[in-house]
Amino acid sequence: MPEYIPAKFCAGCGYPIILMTLGRILEQKQLSKKAVMGLDIGCSLLAINALPINIFHTHHGRVTPTMLGFKRARPDSLCFGLTGDGGAYAIGWQSLFHSALRDEPITVIVVNNTVYAMTGGQTAPTTLPGQKTDTNPNGYDGATFFGPESLRHITHKDAYLARTAANNPKDIATYIEKAIATQSAGHFSLVEILSFCPTNWKTVGKATMDYVENLKKVYKVGEI
């Protein structure tokens, strides 16, 4: 396991924390050789060489069906899909919804920064009411979307769904470990992580941390 993640992400991004946490889990549990991770289009694609495991790019919104196809072909593998909130809850929602409904034994990690970050900070399904984005400069006036809560209504009782934040690596590790155990037991799992995006939030330092804490007031963290 490398001691650092290659600096391809913006300064202050939460992805390196998430990837380092996942990498340490795989190393400690000696799972790296069987782990495979698909990357959705977006900031997640920058993780292509972040970990010493098999990683590949997929099409936008199609990381979930790609990984379930891999899992069916190689059921002995440990399959992860890494995606943003747009890839998961907008263009990829149909695939994610039905994979959860069928209880496909894969693990999806959704990095929720409330915007389409790679393309400049446009409004996403998880954008908060009143939040200013490139496409809603005066503030978003629509509803926001709660992915794990929506999936809970249709998933198998043993499927695992949880949400935490990038400023809590301990909970990230706990929830990902439980998600891996759930996949190994033959069930679907998803962990949503509220992540920093100071570039598009236009925040620095403490303001970024405060932003995440405000997100937690809307997106309740914990197992769902």
C-alpha atoms as a PDB file:
ATOM      1  CA  MET A   1       0.000   0.000   0.000  1.00  0.00           C
ATOM      2  CA  PRO A   2       1.523   3.376  -1.000  1.00  0.00           C
ATOM      3  CA  GLU A   3       2.110   5.961   1.705  1.00  0.00           C
ATOM      4  CA  TYR A   4       0.341   8.634  -0.325  1.00  0.00           C
ATOM      5  CA  ILE A   5      -2.179   9.014  -3.131  1.00  0.00           C
ATOM      6  CA  PRO A   6      -0.849  10.610  -6.352  1.00  0.00           C
ATOM      7  CA  ALA A   7      -1.871  14.282  -6.314  1.00  0.00           C
ATOM      8  CA  LYS A   8      -4.377  14.244  -9.153  1.00  0.00           C
ATOM      9  CA  PHE A   9      -7.247  15.597  -7.081  1.00  0.00           C
ATOM     10  CA  CYS A  10      -7.870  19.254  -6.277  1.00  0.00           C
ATOM     11  CA  ALA A  11      -6.351  20.587  -3.069  1.00  0.00           C
ATOM     12  CA  GLY A  12      -8.640  19.779  -0.158  1.00  0.00           C
ATOM     13  CA  CYS A  13     -10.607  17.076  -1.990  1.00  0.00           C
ATOM     14  CA  GLY A  14     -11.992  14.244   0.127  1.00  0.00           C
ATOM     15  CA  TYR A  15     -11.246  11.450  -2.348  1.00  0.00           C
ATOM     16  CA  PRO A  16      -7.675  10.763  -1.108  1.00  0.00           C
ATOM     17  CA  ILE A  17      -8.969  10.183   2.430  1.00  0.00           C
ATOM     18  CA  ILE A  18     -11.563   7.736   1.130  1.00  0.00           C
ATOM     19  CA  LEU A  19      -9.079   5.899  -1.080  1.00  0.00           C
ATOM     20  CA  MET A  20      -6.405   5.661   1.599  1.00  0.00           C
ATOM     21  CA  THR A  21      -8.968   4.235   4.015  1.00  0.00           C
ATOM     22  CA  LEU A  22     -10.161   1.660   1.494  1.00  0.00           C
ATOM     23  CA  GLY A  23      -6.583   0.739   0.594  1.00  0.00           C
ATOM     24  CA  ARG A  24      -5.595   0.150   4.197  1.00  0.00           C
ATOM     25  CA  ILE A  25      -8.604  -2.101   4.756  1.00  0.00           C
ATOM     26  CA  LEU A  26      -7.771  -4.204   1.704  1.00  0.00           C
ATOM     27  CA  GLU A  27      -4.135  -4.458   2.764  1.00  0.00           C
ATOM     28  CA  GLN A  28      -4.859  -5.315   6.397  1.00  0.00           C
ATOM     29  CA  LYS A  29      -7.393  -7.970   5.431  1.00  0.00           C
ATOM     30  CA  GLN A  30      -5.196  -9.265   2.591  1.00  0.00           C
ATOM     31  CA  LEU A  31      -7.936  -8.668   0.035  1.00  0.00           C
ATOM     32  CA  SER A  32      -6.012  -6.630  -2.541  1.00  0.00           C
ATOM     33  CA  LYS A  33      -5.487  -9.526  -4.960  1.00  0.00           C
ATOM     34  CA  LYS A  34      -9.207 -10.293  -5.207  1.00  0.00           C
ATOM     35  CA  ALA A  35     -10.388  -6.663  -5.191  1.00  0.00           C
ATOM     36  CA  VAL A  36     -11.573  -5.026  -8.420  1.00  0.00           C
ATOM     37  CA  MET A  37     -12.804  -1.441  -8.655  1.00  0.00           C
ATOM     38  CA  GLY A  38     -14.705   0.251 -11.452  1.00  0.00           C
ATOM     39  CA  LEU A  39     -14.638   4.045 -11.702  1.00  0.00           C
ATOM     40  CA  ASP A  40     -17.510   6.157 -12.928  1.00  0.00           C
ATOM     41  CA  ILE A  41     -16.853   9.210 -15.083  1.00  0.00           C
ATOM     42  CA  GLY A  42     -16.264  12.267 -12.923  1.00  0.00           C
ATOM     43  CA  CYS A  43     -13.729  12.995 -10.208  1.00  0.00           C
ATOM     44  CA  SER A  44     -13.653   9.294  -9.362  1.00  0.00           C
ATOM     45  CA  LEU A  45     -11.825   8.552 -12.629  1.00  0.00           C
ATOM     46  CA  LEU A  46      -8.736  10.230 -11.152  1.00  0.00           C
ATOM     47  CA  ALA A  47      -8.353   7.212  -8.872  1.00  0.00           C
ATOM     48  CA  ILE A  48      -7.176   5.038 -11.763  1.00  0.00           C
ATOM     49  CA  ASN A  49      -3.721   4.423 -10.243  1.00  0.00           C
ATOM     50  CA  ALA A  50      -4.438   5.271  -6.614  1.00  0.00           C
ATOM     51  CA  LEU A  51      -4.393   1.733  -5.216  1.00  0.00           C
ATOM     52  CA  PRO A  52      -2.420  -1.450  -5.989  1.00  0.00           C
ATOM     53  CA  ILE A  53      -5.523  -3.336  -7.160  1.00  0.00           C
ATOM     54  CA  ASN A  54      -7.228  -3.900 -10.515  1.00  0.00           C
ATOM     55  CA  ILE A  55      -8.971  -0.628 -11.434  1.00  0.00           C
ATOM     56  CA  PHE A  56     -10.648   0.442 -14.675  1.00  0.00           C
ATOM     57  CA  HIS A  57     -12.846   3.214 -16.057  1.00  0.00           C
ATOM     58  CA  THR A  58     -16.483   2.716 -17.028  1.00  0.00           C
ATOM     59  CA  HIS A  59     -19.058   4.902 -18.795  1.00  0.00           C
ATOM     60  CA  HIS A  60     -20.887   7.655 -16.930  1.00  0.00           C
ATOM     61  CA  GLY A  61     -23.594   6.161 -14.741  1.00  0.00           C
ATOM     62  CA  ARG A  62     -22.675   2.614 -15.715  1.00  0.00           C
ATOM     63  CA  VAL A  63     -20.230   1.598 -13.018  1.00  0.00           C
ATOM     64  CA  THR A  64     -22.886  -0.388 -11.129  1.00  0.00           C
ATOM     65  CA  PRO A  65     -23.961  -2.698 -13.992  1.00  0.00           C
ATOM     66  CA  THR A  66     -20.332  -3.079 -15.072  1.00  0.00           C
ATOM     67  CA  MET A  67     -19.317  -4.287 -11.639  1.00  0.00           C
ATOM     68  CA  LEU A  68     -22.280  -6.620 -11.234  1.00  0.00           C
ATOM     69  CA  GLY A  69     -21.383  -8.127 -14.614  1.00  0.00           C
ATOM     70  CA  PHE A  70     -17.821  -8.632 -13.418  1.00  0.00           C
ATOM     71  CA  LYS A  71     -19.108 -10.186 -10.204  1.00  0.00           C
ATOM     72  CA  ARG A  72     -21.297 -12.643 -12.099  1.00  0.00           C
ATOM     73  CA  ALA A  73     -18.373 -13.632 -14.306  1.00  0.00           C
ATOM     74  CA  ARG A  74     -15.925 -13.808 -11.391  1.00  0.00           C
ATOM     75  CA  PRO A  75     -17.993 -14.503  -8.254  1.00  0.00           C
ATOM     76  CA  ASP A  76     -14.809 -15.010  -6.236  1.00  0.00           C
ATOM     77  CA  SER A  77     -13.819 -11.364  -6.754  1.00  0.00           C
ATOM     78  CA  LEU A  78     -14.506  -8.457  -4.401  1.00  0.00           C
ATOM     79  CA  CYS A  79     -16.191  -5.822  -6.546  1.00  0.00           C
ATOM     80  CA  PHE A  80     -16.365  -2.094  -5.821  1.00  0.00           C
ATOM     81  CA  GLY A  81     -17.974   0.687  -7.813  1.00  0.00           C
ATOM     82  CA  LEU A  82     -16.691   4.206  -7.070  1.00  0.00           C
ATOM     83  CA  THR A  83     -18.958   7.001  -8.247  1.00  0.00           C
ATOM     84  CA  GLY A  84     -20.103  10.517  -7.512  1.00  0.00           C
ATOM     85  CA  ASP A  85     -23.587  11.586  -6.526  1.00  0.00           C
ATOM     86  CA  GLY A  86     -24.431  12.523 -10.108  1.00  0.00           C
ATOM     87  CA  GLY A  87     -23.276   9.206 -11.535  1.00  0.00           C
ATOM     88  CA  ALA A  88     -25.140   7.304  -8.836  1.00  0.00           C
ATOM     89  CA  TYR A  89     -28.369   9.241  -8.391  1.00  0.00           C
ATOM     90  CA  ALA A  90     -28.917  10.853 -11.808  1.00  0.00           C
ATOM     91  CA  ILE A  91     -27.698   9.100 -14.957  1.00  0.00           C
ATOM     92  CA  GLY A  92     -26.905   5.906 -13.034  1.00  0.00           C
ATOM     93  CA  TRP A  93     -29.974   5.741 -10.806  1.00  0.00           C
ATOM     94  CA  GLN A  94     -31.885   3.168 -12.877  1.00  0.00           C
ATOM     95  CA  SER A  95     -28.976   0.727 -12.784  1.00  0.00           C
ATOM     96  CA  LEU A  96     -28.246   1.369  -9.117  1.00  0.00           C
ATOM     97  CA  PHE A  97     -31.901   1.012  -8.138  1.00  0.00           C
ATOM     98  CA  HIS A  98     -32.402  -2.325  -9.877  1.00  0.00           C
ATOM     99  CA  SER A  99     -29.066  -3.728  -8.725  1.00  0.00           C
ATOM    100  CA  ALA A 100     -30.106  -2.963  -5.160  1.00  0.00           C
ATOM    101  CA  LEU A 101     -33.574  -4.379  -5.801  1.00  0.00           C
ATOM    102  CA  ARG A 102     -32.067  -7.636  -7.075  1.00  0.00           C
ATOM    103  CA  ASP A 103     -29.642  -7.668  -4.128  1.00  0.00           C
ATOM    104  CA  GLU A 104     -26.591  -7.961  -6.370  1.00  0.00           C
ATOM    105  CA  PRO A 105     -23.522  -8.798  -4.207  1.00  0.00           C
ATOM    106  CA  ILE A 106     -21.388  -5.752  -5.008  1.00  0.00           C
ATOM    107  CA  THR A 107     -20.303  -2.697  -3.023  1.00  0.00           C
ATOM    108  CA  VAL A 108     -20.990   0.816  -4.319  1.00  0.00           C
ATOM    109  CA  ILE A 109     -19.162   3.779  -2.777  1.00  0.00           C
ATOM    110  CA  VAL A 110     -20.917   7.069  -3.538  1.00  0.00           C
ATOM    111  CA  VAL A 111     -18.898  10.245  -2.989  1.00  0.00           C
ATOM    112  CA  ASN A 112     -21.452  13.007  -2.420  1.00  0.00           C
ATOM    113  CA  ASN A 113     -20.143  16.566  -2.739  1.00  0.00           C
ATOM    114  CA  THR A 114     -23.540  17.992  -3.813  1.00  0.00           C
ATOM    115  CA  VAL A 115     -22.338  19.143  -7.259  1.00  0.00           C
ATOM    116  CA  TYR A 116     -21.074  17.871 -10.597  1.00  0.00           C
ATOM    117  CA  ALA A 117     -17.524  18.708  -9.566  1.00  0.00           C
ATOM    118  CA  MET A 118     -15.473  17.512 -12.550  1.00  0.00           C
ATOM    119  CA  THR A 119     -17.350  19.754 -14.994  1.00  0.00           C
ATOM    120  CA  GLY A 120     -17.376  22.937 -12.937  1.00  0.00           C
ATOM    121  CA  GLY A 121     -19.885  22.638 -10.111  1.00  0.00           C
ATOM    122  CA  GLN A 122     -23.300  22.293 -11.728  1.00  0.00           C
ATOM    123  CA  THR A 123     -26.472  21.413  -9.812  1.00  0.00           C
ATOM    124  CA  ALA A 124     -26.694  17.708  -8.949  1.00  0.00           C
ATOM    125  CA  PRO A 125     -29.435  15.496  -7.447  1.00  0.00           C
ATOM    126  CA  THR A 126     -27.954  16.118  -4.002  1.00  0.00           C
ATOM    127  CA  THR A 127     -27.609  19.905  -4.284  1.00  0.00           C
ATOM    128  CA  LEU A 128     -29.177  21.553  -1.244  1.00  0.00           C
ATOM    129  CA  PRO A 129     -32.057  24.035  -1.479  1.00  0.00           C
ATOM    130  CA  GLY A 130     -30.553  27.510  -1.625  1.00  0.00           C
ATOM    131  CA  GLN A 131     -27.097  26.262  -2.619  1.00  0.00           C
ATOM    132  CA  LYS A 132     -25.439  28.347  -5.332  1.00  0.00           C
ATOM    133  CA  THR A 133     -24.002  26.445  -8.289  1.00  0.00           C
ATOM    134  CA  ASP A 134     -22.835  27.298 -11.795  1.00  0.00           C
ATOM    135  CA  THR A 135     -26.272  26.404 -13.146  1.00  0.00           C
ATOM    136  CA  ASN A 136     -28.183  28.013 -10.261  1.00  0.00           C
ATOM    137  CA  PRO A 137     -26.109  31.108  -9.427  1.00  0.00           C
ATOM    138  CA  ASN A 138     -28.957  32.626  -7.418  1.00  0.00           C
ATOM    139  CA  GLY A 139     -29.500  29.470  -5.398  1.00  0.00           C
ATOM    140  CA  TYR A 140     -31.122  26.105  -6.129  1.00  0.00           C
ATOM    141  CA  ASP A 141     -34.880  26.153  -5.481  1.00  0.00           C
ATOM    142  CA  GLY A 142     -35.715  22.461  -5.939  1.00  0.00           C
ATOM    143  CA  ALA A 143     -35.755  19.389  -3.718  1.00  0.00           C
ATOM    144  CA  THR A 144     -32.746  17.278  -2.816  1.00  0.00           C
ATOM    145  CA  PHE A 145     -32.340  13.512  -3.134  1.00  0.00           C
ATOM    146  CA  PHE A 146     -31.569  10.979  -0.427  1.00  0.00           C
ATOM    147  CA  GLY A 147     -30.100   7.921  -2.136  1.00  0.00           C
ATOM    148  CA  PRO A 148     -29.540   5.409   0.691  1.00  0.00           C
ATOM    149  CA  GLU A 149     -32.902   6.215   2.272  1.00  0.00           C
ATOM    150  CA  SER A 150     -34.656   5.710  -1.069  1.00  0.00           C
ATOM    151  CA  LEU A 151     -32.919   2.366  -1.599  1.00  0.00           C
ATOM    152  CA  ARG A 152     -33.769   1.148   1.890  1.00  0.00           C
ATOM    153  CA  HIS A 153     -37.412   0.803   0.848  1.00  0.00           C
ATOM    154  CA  ILE A 154     -36.607  -1.800  -1.804  1.00  0.00           C
ATOM    155  CA  THR A 155     -33.466  -3.601  -0.667  1.00  0.00           C
ATOM    156  CA  HIS A 156     -33.135  -7.023   0.921  1.00  0.00           C
ATOM    157  CA  LYS A 157     -33.260  -6.913   4.706  1.00  0.00           C
ATOM    158  CA  ASP A 158     -29.613  -8.005   4.849  1.00  0.00           C
ATOM    159  CA  ALA A 159     -28.367  -5.393   2.365  1.00  0.00           C
ATOM    160  CA  TYR A 160     -26.088  -2.810   3.962  1.00  0.00           C
ATOM    161  CA  LEU A 161     -26.592   0.943   3.520  1.00  0.00           C
ATOM    162  CA  ALA A 162     -24.758   3.677   5.396  1.00  0.00           C
ATOM    163  CA  ARG A 163     -23.642   7.287   5.189  1.00  0.00           C
ATOM    164  CA  THR A 164     -20.662   9.047   6.734  1.00  0.00           C
ATOM    165  CA  ALA A 165     -18.377  11.970   5.891  1.00  0.00           C
ATOM    166  CA  ALA A 166     -14.823  12.358   4.650  1.00  0.00           C
ATOM    167  CA  ASN A 167     -13.822  14.089   7.891  1.00  0.00           C
ATOM    168  CA  ASN A 168     -14.482  10.856   9.792  1.00  0.00           C
ATOM    169  CA  PRO A 169     -12.032   8.190   8.504  1.00  0.00           C
ATOM    170  CA  LYS A 170     -12.860   5.929  11.445  1.00  0.00           C
ATOM    171  CA  ASP A 171     -16.495   5.621  10.392  1.00  0.00           C
ATOM    172  CA  ILE A 172     -15.503   5.300   6.733  1.00  0.00           C
ATOM    173  CA  ALA A 173     -13.385   2.293   7.690  1.00  0.00           C
ATOM    174  CA  THR A 174     -16.114   0.777   9.862  1.00  0.00           C
ATOM    175  CA  TYR A 175     -18.798   1.115   7.218  1.00  0.00           C
ATOM    176  CA  ILE A 176     -16.644  -0.116   4.342  1.00  0.00           C
ATOM    177  CA  GLU A 177     -15.603  -3.150   6.384  1.00  0.00           C
ATOM    178  CA  LYS A 178     -19.283  -3.936   7.011  1.00  0.00           C
ATOM    179  CA  ALA A 179     -20.048  -3.402   3.323  1.00  0.00           C
ATOM    180  CA  ILE A 180     -17.308  -5.869   2.380  1.00  0.00           C
ATOM    181  CA  ALA A 181     -18.672  -8.413   4.849  1.00  0.00           C
ATOM    182  CA  THR A 182     -22.147  -7.922   3.368  1.00  0.00           C
ATOM    183  CA  GLN A 183     -20.877  -8.491  -0.172  1.00  0.00           C
ATOM    184  CA  SER A 184     -19.027 -11.597   0.987  1.00  0.00           C
ATOM    185  CA  ALA A 185     -22.283 -12.866   2.482  1.00  0.00           C
ATOM    186  CA  GLY A 186     -23.976 -12.481  -0.910  1.00  0.00           C
ATOM    187  CA  HIS A 187     -25.824  -9.179  -0.511  1.00  0.00           C
ATOM    188  CA  PHE A 188     -25.804  -5.638  -1.892  1.00  0.00           C
ATOM    189  CA  SER A 189     -24.024  -2.839  -0.047  1.00  0.00           C
ATOM    190  CA  LEU A 190     -23.654   0.908  -0.502  1.00  0.00           C
ATOM    191  CA  VAL A 191     -21.741   3.501   1.491  1.00  0.00           C
ATOM    192  CA  GLU A 192     -22.346   7.184   0.774  1.00  0.00           C
ATOM    193  CA  ILE A 193     -19.601   9.565   1.899  1.00  0.00           C
ATOM    194  CA  LEU A 194     -20.174  13.312   2.202  1.00  0.00           C
ATOM    195  CA  SER A 195     -17.001  14.716   0.707  1.00  0.00           C
ATOM    196  CA  PHE A 196     -15.158  18.030   0.498  1.00  0.00           C
ATOM    197  CA  CYS A 197     -15.167  20.071  -2.693  1.00  0.00           C
ATOM    198  CA  PRO A 198     -13.573  23.424  -1.803  1.00  0.00           C
ATOM    199  CA  THR A 199     -12.912  24.157  -5.485  1.00  0.00           C
ATOM    200  CA  ASN A 200     -16.603  24.273  -6.353  1.00  0.00           C
ATOM    201  CA  TRP A 201     -17.928  25.224  -2.930  1.00  0.00           C
ATOM    202  CA  LYS A 202     -15.501  28.166  -3.055  1.00  0.00           C
ATOM    203  CA  THR A 203     -14.391  27.558   0.519  1.00  0.00           C
ATOM    204  CA  VAL A 204     -11.045  27.366   2.299  1.00  0.00           C
ATOM    205  CA  GLY A 205      -9.868  25.881   5.589  1.00  0.00           C
ATOM    206  CA  LYS A 206     -12.423  25.983   8.385  1.00  0.00           C
ATOM    207  CA  ALA A 207     -15.173  27.080   6.007  1.00  0.00           C
ATOM    208  CA  THR A 208     -14.848  23.752   4.194  1.00  0.00           C
ATOM    209  CA  MET A 209     -15.165  21.801   7.444  1.00  0.00           C
ATOM    210  CA  ASP A 210     -18.154  23.917   8.460  1.00  0.00           C
ATOM    211  CA  TYR A 211     -19.758  23.169   5.096  1.00  0.00           C
ATOM    212  CA  VAL A 212     -19.479  19.433   5.710  1.00  0.00           C
ATOM    213  CA  GLU A 213     -20.940  19.799   9.194  1.00  0.00           C
ATOM    214  CA  ASN A 214     -23.901  21.645   7.682  1.00  0.00           C
ATOM    215  CA  LEU A 215     -24.344  18.827   5.176  1.00  0.00           C
ATOM    216  CA  LYS A 216     -24.628  16.383   8.082  1.00  0.00           C
ATOM    217  CA  LYS A 217     -27.633  18.331   9.360  1.00  0.00           C
ATOM    218  CA  VAL A 218     -29.450  17.486   6.132  1.00  0.00           C
ATOM    219  CA  TYR A 219     -27.898  14.129   5.241  1.00  0.00           C
ATOM    220  CA  LYS A 220     -28.002  12.177   8.480  1.00  0.00           C
ATOM    221  CA  VAL A 221     -24.933  10.006   8.976  1.00  0.00           C
ATOM    222  CA  GLY A 222     -25.060   6.442  10.246  1.00  0.00           C
ATOM    223  CA  GLU A 223     -26.381   3.073   9.137  1.00  0.00           C
ATOM    224  CA  ILE A 224     -29.650   3.263   7.237  1.00  0.00           C
END
